[in-house]
Amino acid sequence: MAGGNRADLRPVIRLRSTAGTGVTYVTRKNRRNTPDRLVLSKYDPKVRRHVDFREER
């Protein structure tokens, strides 16, 4: 198959809360467009506010 595997270019990543609560989100990202670690502001239900979620591999 030309182009390789679908999971190679858009891997599943885990986003862990920077608040230290251990809350994670699971999403996919395009490795070609964002080769560095992803940081998104998402809702953390344990602290009941939006915090930065950082990609872990």
PDB file of N, CA and C in Angstrom:
ATOM      1  N   MET A   1       0.845  -1.186   0.000  1.00  0.00           N
ATOM      2  CA  MET A   1       0.000   0.000   0.000  1.00  0.00           C
ATOM      3  C   MET A   1       0.881   1.236   0.000  1.00  0.00           C
ATOM      4  N   ALA A   2       0.646   2.129  -0.920  1.00  0.00           N
ATOM      5  CA  ALA A   2       1.439   3.351  -1.012  1.00  0.00           C
ATOM      6  C   ALA A   2       1.031   4.324   0.076  1.00  0.00           C
ATOM      7  N   GLY A   3       2.020   4.920   0.736  1.00  0.00           N
ATOM      8  CA  GLY A   3       1.719   5.891   1.779  1.00  0.00           C
ATOM      9  C   GLY A   3       1.914   5.358   3.175  1.00  0.00           C
ATOM     10  N   GLY A   4       2.040   4.064   3.331  1.00  0.00           N
ATOM     11  CA  GLY A   4       2.288   3.515   4.655  1.00  0.00           C
ATOM     12  C   GLY A   4       1.011   3.297   5.435  1.00  0.00           C
ATOM     13  N   ASN A   5       1.206   3.044   6.716  1.00  0.00           N
ATOM     14  CA  ASN A   5       0.088   2.743   7.595  1.00  0.00           C
ATOM     15  C   ASN A   5      -0.580   4.025   8.073  1.00  0.00           C
ATOM     16  N   ARG A   6      -1.888   3.960   8.290  1.00  0.00           N
ATOM     17  CA  ARG A   6      -2.649   5.127   8.750  1.00  0.00           C
ATOM     18  C   ARG A   6      -2.220   5.552  10.150  1.00  0.00           C
ATOM     19  N   ALA A   7      -1.865   4.615  10.992  1.00  0.00           N
ATOM     20  CA  ALA A   7      -1.484   4.937  12.372  1.00  0.00           C
ATOM     21  C   ALA A   7      -0.114   5.600  12.448  1.00  0.00           C
ATOM     22  N   ASP A   8       0.699   5.492  11.388  1.00  0.00           N
ATOM     23  CA  ASP A   8       2.015   6.122  11.419  1.00  0.00           C
ATOM     24  C   ASP A   8       1.915   7.642  11.381  1.00  0.00           C
ATOM     25  N   LEU A   9       1.008   8.162  10.572  1.00  0.00           N
ATOM     26  CA  LEU A   9       0.921   9.607  10.389  1.00  0.00           C
ATOM     27  C   LEU A   9       0.023  10.263  11.431  1.00  0.00           C
ATOM     28  N   ARG A  10      -1.042   9.576  11.874  1.00  0.00           N
ATOM     29  CA  ARG A  10      -1.953  10.137  12.874  1.00  0.00           C
ATOM     30  C   ARG A  10      -2.000   9.206  14.088  1.00  0.00           C
ATOM     31  N   PRO A  11      -0.979   9.242  14.947  1.00  0.00           N
ATOM     32  CA  PRO A  11      -0.962   8.324  16.089  1.00  0.00           C
ATOM     33  C   PRO A  11      -1.941   8.766  17.176  1.00  0.00           C
ATOM     34  N   VAL A  12      -2.360   7.805  17.984  1.00  0.00           N
ATOM     35  CA  VAL A  12      -3.182   8.096  19.154  1.00  0.00           C
ATOM     36  C   VAL A  12      -2.261   8.612  20.246  1.00  0.00           C
ATOM     37  N   ILE A  13      -2.601   9.759  20.822  1.00  0.00           N
ATOM     38  CA  ILE A  13      -1.783  10.335  21.894  1.00  0.00           C
ATOM     39  C   ILE A  13      -2.640  10.541  23.121  1.00  0.00           C
ATOM     40  N   ARG A  14      -1.974  10.606  24.270  1.00  0.00           N
ATOM     41  CA  ARG A  14      -2.652  10.882  25.530  1.00  0.00           C
ATOM     42  C   ARG A  14      -2.270  12.275  25.989  1.00  0.00           C
ATOM     43  N   LEU A  15      -3.277  13.040  26.413  1.00  0.00           N
ATOM     44  CA  LEU A  15      -3.056  14.379  26.937  1.00  0.00           C
ATOM     45  C   LEU A  15      -3.266  14.319  28.446  1.00  0.00           C
ATOM     46  N   ARG A  16      -2.204  14.619  29.215  1.00  0.00           N
ATOM     47  CA  ARG A  16      -2.295  14.564  30.671  1.00  0.00           C
ATOM     48  C   ARG A  16      -2.381  15.962  31.236  1.00  0.00           C
ATOM     49  N   SER A  17      -3.199  16.118  32.277  1.00  0.00           N
ATOM     50  CA  SER A  17      -3.430  17.422  32.899  1.00  0.00           C
ATOM     51  C   SER A  17      -2.171  17.919  33.594  1.00  0.00           C
ATOM     52  N   THR A  18      -1.892  19.219  33.455  1.00  0.00           N
ATOM     53  CA  THR A  18      -0.756  19.813  34.155  1.00  0.00           C
ATOM     54  C   THR A  18      -1.107  20.181  35.586  1.00  0.00           C
ATOM     55  N   ALA A  19      -2.374  19.998  35.984  1.00  0.00           N
ATOM     56  CA  ALA A  19      -2.762  20.283  37.365  1.00  0.00           C
ATOM     57  C   ALA A  19      -2.349  19.165  38.316  1.00  0.00           C
ATOM     58  N   GLY A  20      -1.842  18.063  37.781  1.00  0.00           N
ATOM     59  CA  GLY A  20      -1.379  16.973  38.638  1.00  0.00           C
ATOM     60  C   GLY A  20      -2.485  16.079  39.154  1.00  0.00           C
ATOM     61  N   THR A  21      -3.645  16.091  38.518  1.00  0.00           N
ATOM     62  CA  THR A  21      -4.762  15.268  38.978  1.00  0.00           C
ATOM     63  C   THR A  21      -4.780  13.886  38.346  1.00  0.00           C
ATOM     64  N   GLY A  22      -3.982  13.683  37.304  1.00  0.00           N
ATOM     65  CA  GLY A  22      -3.964  12.383  36.638  1.00  0.00           C
ATOM     66  C   GLY A  22      -5.053  12.205  35.605  1.00  0.00           C
ATOM     67  N   VAL A  23      -5.801  13.267  35.289  1.00  0.00           N
ATOM     68  CA  VAL A  23      -6.855  13.192  34.285  1.00  0.00           C
ATOM     69  C   VAL A  23      -6.209  13.193  32.904  1.00  0.00           C
ATOM     70  N   THR A  24      -6.703  12.327  32.015  1.00  0.00           N
ATOM     71  CA  THR A  24      -6.162  12.258  30.660  1.00  0.00           C
ATOM     72  C   THR A  24      -7.288  12.329  29.637  1.00  0.00           C
ATOM     73  N   TYR A  25      -6.974  12.902  28.490  1.00  0.00           N
ATOM     74  CA  TYR A  25      -7.810  12.834  27.298  1.00  0.00           C
ATOM     75  C   TYR A  25      -7.040  12.034  26.265  1.00  0.00           C
ATOM     76  N   VAL A  26      -7.771  11.345  25.376  1.00  0.00           N
ATOM     77  CA  VAL A  26      -7.144  10.590  24.300  1.00  0.00           C
ATOM     78  C   VAL A  26      -7.598  11.198  22.985  1.00  0.00           C
ATOM     79  N   THR A  27      -6.655  11.485  22.094  1.00  0.00           N
ATOM     80  CA  THR A  27      -6.981  12.061  20.799  1.00  0.00           C
ATOM     81  C   THR A  27      -5.949  11.608  19.780  1.00  0.00           C
ATOM     82  N   ARG A  28      -6.124  12.046  18.548  1.00  0.00           N
ATOM     83  CA  ARG A  28      -5.153  11.779  17.489  1.00  0.00           C
ATOM     84  C   ARG A  28      -4.566  13.095  17.034  1.00  0.00           C
ATOM     85  N   LYS A  29      -3.351  13.025  16.484  1.00  0.00           N
ATOM     86  CA  LYS A  29      -2.766  14.228  15.911  1.00  0.00           C
ATOM     87  C   LYS A  29      -2.018  13.873  14.638  1.00  0.00           C
ATOM     88  N   ASN A  30      -1.883  14.885  13.770  1.00  0.00           N
ATOM     89  CA  ASN A  30      -1.148  14.697  12.534  1.00  0.00           C
ATOM     90  C   ASN A  30       0.326  14.982  12.823  1.00  0.00           C
ATOM     91  N   ARG A  31       1.147  13.954  12.714  1.00  0.00           N
ATOM     92  CA  ARG A  31       2.561  14.095  13.059  1.00  0.00           C
ATOM     93  C   ARG A  31       3.302  15.008  12.095  1.00  0.00           C
ATOM     94  N   ARG A  32       2.839  15.088  10.844  1.00  0.00           N
ATOM     95  CA  ARG A  32       3.515  15.936   9.865  1.00  0.00           C
ATOM     96  C   ARG A  32       3.281  17.419  10.161  1.00  0.00           C
ATOM     97  N   ASN A  33       2.078  17.784  10.592  1.00  0.00           N
ATOM     98  CA  ASN A  33       1.776  19.189  10.860  1.00  0.00           C
ATOM     99  C   ASN A  33       2.275  19.645  12.221  1.00  0.00           C
ATOM    100  N   THR A  34       2.211  18.771  13.230  1.00  0.00           N
ATOM    101  CA  THR A  34       2.633  19.140  14.585  1.00  0.00           C
ATOM    102  C   THR A  34       3.617  18.105  15.111  1.00  0.00           C
ATOM    103  N   PRO A  35       4.891  18.216  14.726  1.00  0.00           N
ATOM    104  CA  PRO A  35       5.871  17.229  15.196  1.00  0.00           C
ATOM    105  C   PRO A  35       6.240  17.408  16.665  1.00  0.00           C
ATOM    106  N   ASP A  36       6.048  18.616  17.214  1.00  0.00           N
ATOM    107  CA  ASP A  36       6.391  18.830  18.618  1.00  0.00           C
ATOM    108  C   ASP A  36       5.214  18.420  19.505  1.00  0.00           C
ATOM    109  N   ARG A  37       5.437  18.488  20.809  1.00  0.00           N
ATOM    110  CA  ARG A  37       4.415  18.039  21.742  1.00  0.00           C
ATOM    111  C   ARG A  37       3.234  18.989  21.772  1.00  0.00           C
ATOM    112  N   LEU A  38       2.050  18.421  21.797  1.00  0.00           N
ATOM    113  CA  LEU A  38       0.815  19.186  21.731  1.00  0.00           C
ATOM    114  C   LEU A  38       0.432  19.671  23.122  1.00  0.00           C
ATOM    115  N   VAL A  39      -0.044  20.923  23.215  1.00  0.00           N
ATOM    116  CA  VAL A  39      -0.572  21.469  24.470  1.00  0.00           C
ATOM    117  C   VAL A  39      -1.927  22.083  24.167  1.00  0.00           C
ATOM    118  N   LEU A  40      -2.966  21.559  24.819  1.00  0.00           N
ATOM    119  CA  LEU A  40      -4.323  22.061  24.612  1.00  0.00           C
ATOM    120  C   LEU A  40      -4.920  22.455  25.950  1.00  0.00           C
ATOM    121  N   SER A  41      -5.754  23.484  25.947  1.00  0.00           N
ATOM    122  CA  SER A  41      -6.476  23.877  27.148  1.00  0.00           C
ATOM    123  C   SER A  41      -7.806  23.153  27.153  1.00  0.00           C
ATOM    124  N   LYS A  42      -7.982  22.241  28.129  1.00  0.00           N
ATOM    125  CA  LYS A  42      -9.202  21.450  28.201  1.00  0.00           C
ATOM    126  C   LYS A  42      -9.705  21.437  29.640  1.00  0.00           C
ATOM    127  N   TYR A  43     -10.918  20.939  29.826  1.00  0.00           N
ATOM    128  CA  TYR A  43     -11.561  20.955  31.136  1.00  0.00           C
ATOM    129  C   TYR A  43     -11.065  19.794  31.987  1.00  0.00           C
ATOM    130  N   ASP A  44     -10.652  20.095  33.206  1.00  0.00           N
ATOM    131  CA  ASP A  44     -10.261  19.079  34.174  1.00  0.00           C
ATOM    132  C   ASP A  44     -11.373  18.990  35.220  1.00  0.00           C
ATOM    133  N   PRO A  45     -12.138  17.895  35.247  1.00  0.00           N
ATOM    134  CA  PRO A  45     -13.276  17.821  36.162  1.00  0.00           C
ATOM    135  C   PRO A  45     -12.891  17.758  37.631  1.00  0.00           C
ATOM    136  N   LYS A  46     -11.670  17.342  37.940  1.00  0.00           N
ATOM    137  CA  LYS A  46     -11.283  17.246  39.354  1.00  0.00           C
ATOM    138  C   LYS A  46     -11.029  18.611  39.973  1.00  0.00           C
ATOM    139  N   VAL A  47     -10.473  19.548  39.213  1.00  0.00           N
ATOM    140  CA  VAL A  47     -10.279  20.906  39.728  1.00  0.00           C
ATOM    141  C   VAL A  47     -11.366  21.853  39.229  1.00  0.00           C
ATOM    142  N   ARG A  48     -12.267  21.330  38.360  1.00  0.00           N
ATOM    143  CA  ARG A  48     -13.435  22.055  37.845  1.00  0.00           C
ATOM    144  C   ARG A  48     -13.077  23.358  37.151  1.00  0.00           C
ATOM    145  N   ARG A  49     -12.018  23.306  36.326  1.00  0.00           N
ATOM    146  CA  ARG A  49     -11.687  24.464  35.503  1.00  0.00           C
ATOM    147  C   ARG A  49     -10.827  23.997  34.339  1.00  0.00           C
ATOM    148  N   HIS A  50     -10.580  24.903  33.403  1.00  0.00           N
ATOM    149  CA  HIS A  50      -9.751  24.584  32.246  1.00  0.00           C
ATOM    150  C   HIS A  50      -8.277  24.743  32.620  1.00  0.00           C
ATOM    151  N   VAL A  51      -7.489  23.745  32.284  1.00  0.00           N
ATOM    152  CA  VAL A  51      -6.040  23.790  32.503  1.00  0.00           C
ATOM    153  C   VAL A  51      -5.373  23.293  31.223  1.00  0.00           C
ATOM    154  N   ASP A  52      -4.063  23.489  31.134  1.00  0.00           N
ATOM    155  CA  ASP A  52      -3.315  22.987  29.986  1.00  0.00           C
ATOM    156  C   ASP A  52      -3.138  21.480  30.107  1.00  0.00           C
ATOM    157  N   PHE A  53      -3.373  20.798  29.016  1.00  0.00           N
ATOM    158  CA  PHE A  53      -3.127  19.367  28.924  1.00  0.00           C
ATOM    159  C   PHE A  53      -1.973  19.168  27.969  1.00  0.00           C
ATOM    160  N   ARG A  54      -0.941  18.446  28.411  1.00  0.00           N
ATOM    161  CA  ARG A  54       0.286  18.274  27.643  1.00  0.00           C
ATOM    162  C   ARG A  54       0.371  16.842  27.123  1.00  0.00           C
ATOM    163  N   GLU A  55       0.889  16.731  25.925  1.00  0.00           N
ATOM    164  CA  GLU A  55       1.008  15.413  25.297  1.00  0.00           C
ATOM    165  C   GLU A  55       2.080  14.592  26.001  1.00  0.00           C
ATOM    166  N   GLU A  56       1.768  13.330  26.238  1.00  0.00           N
ATOM    167  CA  GLU A  56       2.779  12.392  26.719  1.00  0.00           C
ATOM    168  C   GLU A  56       2.851  11.234  25.728  1.00  0.00           C
ATOM    169  N   ARG A  57       4.045  10.673  25.596  1.00  0.00           N
ATOM    170  CA  ARG A  57       4.190   9.584  24.626  1.00  0.00           C
ATOM    171  C   ARG A  57       4.242   8.249  25.309  1.00  0.00           C
TER     172      ARG A  57
END
